[in-house]
């Protein structure tokens, strides 16, 4: 007896992170969302600290062509400011 093999699709899978700010349900891709370098959560542009530069991260291996933006979310930025005073 030969079992049928499932067909493999060549359609790429797009992972779209959702903003982790309370009450926000904006989702996007790695180029419209920013990952916080402190808490590692994903945020939309409205919940990222504007005064902290955002960096384009290209993890190894480069042949995968993956990259994302990294910055600081508003909550982590506020915590940093409170501890520095």
C-alpha atoms as a PDB file:
ATOM      1  CA  UNK A   1       0.000   0.000   0.000  1.00  0.00           C
ATOM      2  CA  UNK A   2       1.338   3.403  -0.964  1.00  0.00           C
ATOM      3  CA  UNK A   3       0.221   6.361   1.076  1.00  0.00           C
ATOM      4  CA  UNK A   4      -0.247   9.647  -0.737  1.00  0.00           C
ATOM      5  CA  UNK A   5       2.421  12.204   0.092  1.00  0.00           C
ATOM      6  CA  UNK A   6       1.282  15.686   1.048  1.00  0.00           C
ATOM      7  CA  UNK A   7       2.166  18.260  -1.553  1.00  0.00           C
ATOM      8  CA  UNK A   8       4.746  20.745  -0.428  1.00  0.00           C
ATOM      9  CA  UNK A   9       3.949  24.312  -1.222  1.00  0.00           C
ATOM     10  CA  UNK A  10       6.614  26.735  -2.315  1.00  0.00           C
ATOM     11  CA  UNK A  11       4.629  29.693  -1.023  1.00  0.00           C
ATOM     12  CA  UNK A  12       6.770  31.609   1.473  1.00  0.00           C
ATOM     13  CA  UNK A  13       5.464  31.982   4.993  1.00  0.00           C
ATOM     14  CA  UNK A  14       5.326  35.589   6.183  1.00  0.00           C
ATOM     15  CA  UNK A  15       5.611  36.063   9.917  1.00  0.00           C
ATOM     16  CA  UNK A  16       3.839  39.223  11.031  1.00  0.00           C
ATOM     17  CA  UNK A  17       4.492  40.216  14.626  1.00  0.00           C
ATOM     18  CA  UNK A  18       1.741  42.038  16.516  1.00  0.00           C
ATOM     19  CA  UNK A  19       2.502  45.086  18.659  1.00  0.00           C
ATOM     20  CA  UNK A  20       2.809  44.014  22.283  1.00  0.00           C
ATOM     21  CA  UNK A  21       1.785  47.367  23.785  1.00  0.00           C
ATOM     22  CA  UNK A  22      -1.342  46.955  25.927  1.00  0.00           C
ATOM     23  CA  UNK A  23      -4.474  47.488  23.843  1.00  0.00           C
ATOM     24  CA  UNK A  24      -2.629  47.804  20.522  1.00  0.00           C
ATOM     25  CA  UNK A  25      -3.311  45.209  17.852  1.00  0.00           C
ATOM     26  CA  UNK A  26      -1.254  46.612  14.973  1.00  0.00           C
ATOM     27  CA  UNK A  27       0.656  43.939  13.087  1.00  0.00           C
ATOM     28  CA  UNK A  28       3.259  44.238  10.391  1.00  0.00           C
ATOM     29  CA  UNK A  29       6.398  42.679   9.012  1.00  0.00           C
ATOM     30  CA  UNK A  30      10.016  42.927  10.091  1.00  0.00           C
ATOM     31  CA  UNK A  31      10.350  46.232   8.224  1.00  0.00           C
ATOM     32  CA  UNK A  32       7.347  47.999   9.780  1.00  0.00           C
ATOM     33  CA  UNK A  33       7.684  46.671  13.335  1.00  0.00           C
ATOM     34  CA  UNK A  34      10.579  47.266  15.742  1.00  0.00           C
ATOM     35  CA  UNK A  35      11.955  44.711  18.173  1.00  0.00           C
ATOM     36  CA  UNK A  36      12.919  46.127  21.559  1.00  0.00           C
ATOM     37  CA  UNK A  37      16.550  45.447  22.413  1.00  0.00           C
ATOM     38  CA  UNK A  38      15.688  45.405  26.144  1.00  0.00           C
ATOM     39  CA  UNK A  39      12.570  43.219  26.403  1.00  0.00           C
ATOM     40  CA  UNK A  40      12.712  41.532  22.930  1.00  0.00           C
ATOM     41  CA  UNK A  41       9.031  42.264  22.251  1.00  0.00           C
ATOM     42  CA  UNK A  42       7.732  43.651  18.938  1.00  0.00           C
ATOM     43  CA  UNK A  43       6.199  47.141  18.698  1.00  0.00           C
ATOM     44  CA  UNK A  44       4.630  49.367  16.059  1.00  0.00           C
ATOM     45  CA  UNK A  45       6.200  52.764  15.395  1.00  0.00           C
ATOM     46  CA  UNK A  46       3.810  54.489  17.824  1.00  0.00           C
ATOM     47  CA  UNK A  47       5.198  52.502  20.766  1.00  0.00           C
ATOM     48  CA  UNK A  48       8.917  52.924  20.060  1.00  0.00           C
ATOM     49  CA  UNK A  49      11.015  55.634  21.713  1.00  0.00           C
ATOM     50  CA  UNK A  50      11.597  58.212  18.953  1.00  0.00           C
ATOM     51  CA  UNK A  51      14.675  59.718  20.633  1.00  0.00           C
ATOM     52  CA  UNK A  52      16.584  56.405  20.513  1.00  0.00           C
ATOM     53  CA  UNK A  53      18.022  55.423  17.110  1.00  0.00           C
ATOM     54  CA  UNK A  54      16.629  52.326  15.402  1.00  0.00           C
ATOM     55  CA  UNK A  55      19.190  49.914  13.967  1.00  0.00           C
ATOM     56  CA  UNK A  56      18.785  47.488  11.055  1.00  0.00           C
ATOM     57  CA  UNK A  57      19.899  44.036  12.259  1.00  0.00           C
ATOM     58  CA  UNK A  58      21.054  41.391   9.781  1.00  0.00           C
ATOM     59  CA  UNK A  59      21.613  38.137  11.666  1.00  0.00           C
ATOM     60  CA  UNK A  60      23.929  35.470  10.301  1.00  0.00           C
ATOM     61  CA  UNK A  61      23.849  33.659   7.979  1.00  0.00           C
ATOM     62  CA  UNK A  62      23.288  36.459   5.496  1.00  0.00           C
ATOM     63  CA  UNK A  63      22.254  34.037   2.773  1.00  0.00           C
ATOM     64  CA  UNK A  64      18.803  33.770   4.363  1.00  0.00           C
ATOM     65  CA  UNK A  65      18.184  37.423   3.580  1.00  0.00           C
ATOM     66  CA  UNK A  66      16.489  38.058   6.920  1.00  0.00           C
ATOM     67  CA  UNK A  67      16.708  41.391   8.689  1.00  0.00           C
ATOM     68  CA  UNK A  68      14.686  43.440  11.167  1.00  0.00           C
ATOM     69  CA  UNK A  69      14.714  46.753  13.010  1.00  0.00           C
ATOM     70  CA  UNK A  70      15.762  47.016  16.634  1.00  0.00           C
ATOM     71  CA  UNK A  71      15.161  49.916  19.020  1.00  0.00           C
ATOM     72  CA  UNK A  72      13.736  50.612  22.472  1.00  0.00           C
ATOM     73  CA  UNK A  73      10.034  50.485  23.327  1.00  0.00           C
ATOM     74  CA  UNK A  74       8.452  53.357  25.265  1.00  0.00           C
ATOM     75  CA  UNK A  75       8.041  51.285  28.441  1.00  0.00           C
ATOM     76  CA  UNK A  76      11.718  50.256  28.522  1.00  0.00           C
ATOM     77  CA  UNK A  77      12.816  53.807  27.685  1.00  0.00           C
ATOM     78  CA  UNK A  78      10.756  55.146  30.604  1.00  0.00           C
ATOM     79  CA  UNK A  79      12.317  52.558  32.940  1.00  0.00           C
ATOM     80  CA  UNK A  80      15.795  53.595  31.769  1.00  0.00           C
ATOM     81  CA  UNK A  81      15.037  57.259  32.399  1.00  0.00           C
ATOM     82  CA  UNK A  82      13.675  56.534  35.893  1.00  0.00           C
ATOM     83  CA  UNK A  83      16.756  54.538  36.896  1.00  0.00           C
ATOM     84  CA  UNK A  84      19.151  57.184  35.564  1.00  0.00           C
ATOM     85  CA  UNK A  85      17.635  59.965  37.703  1.00  0.00           C
END
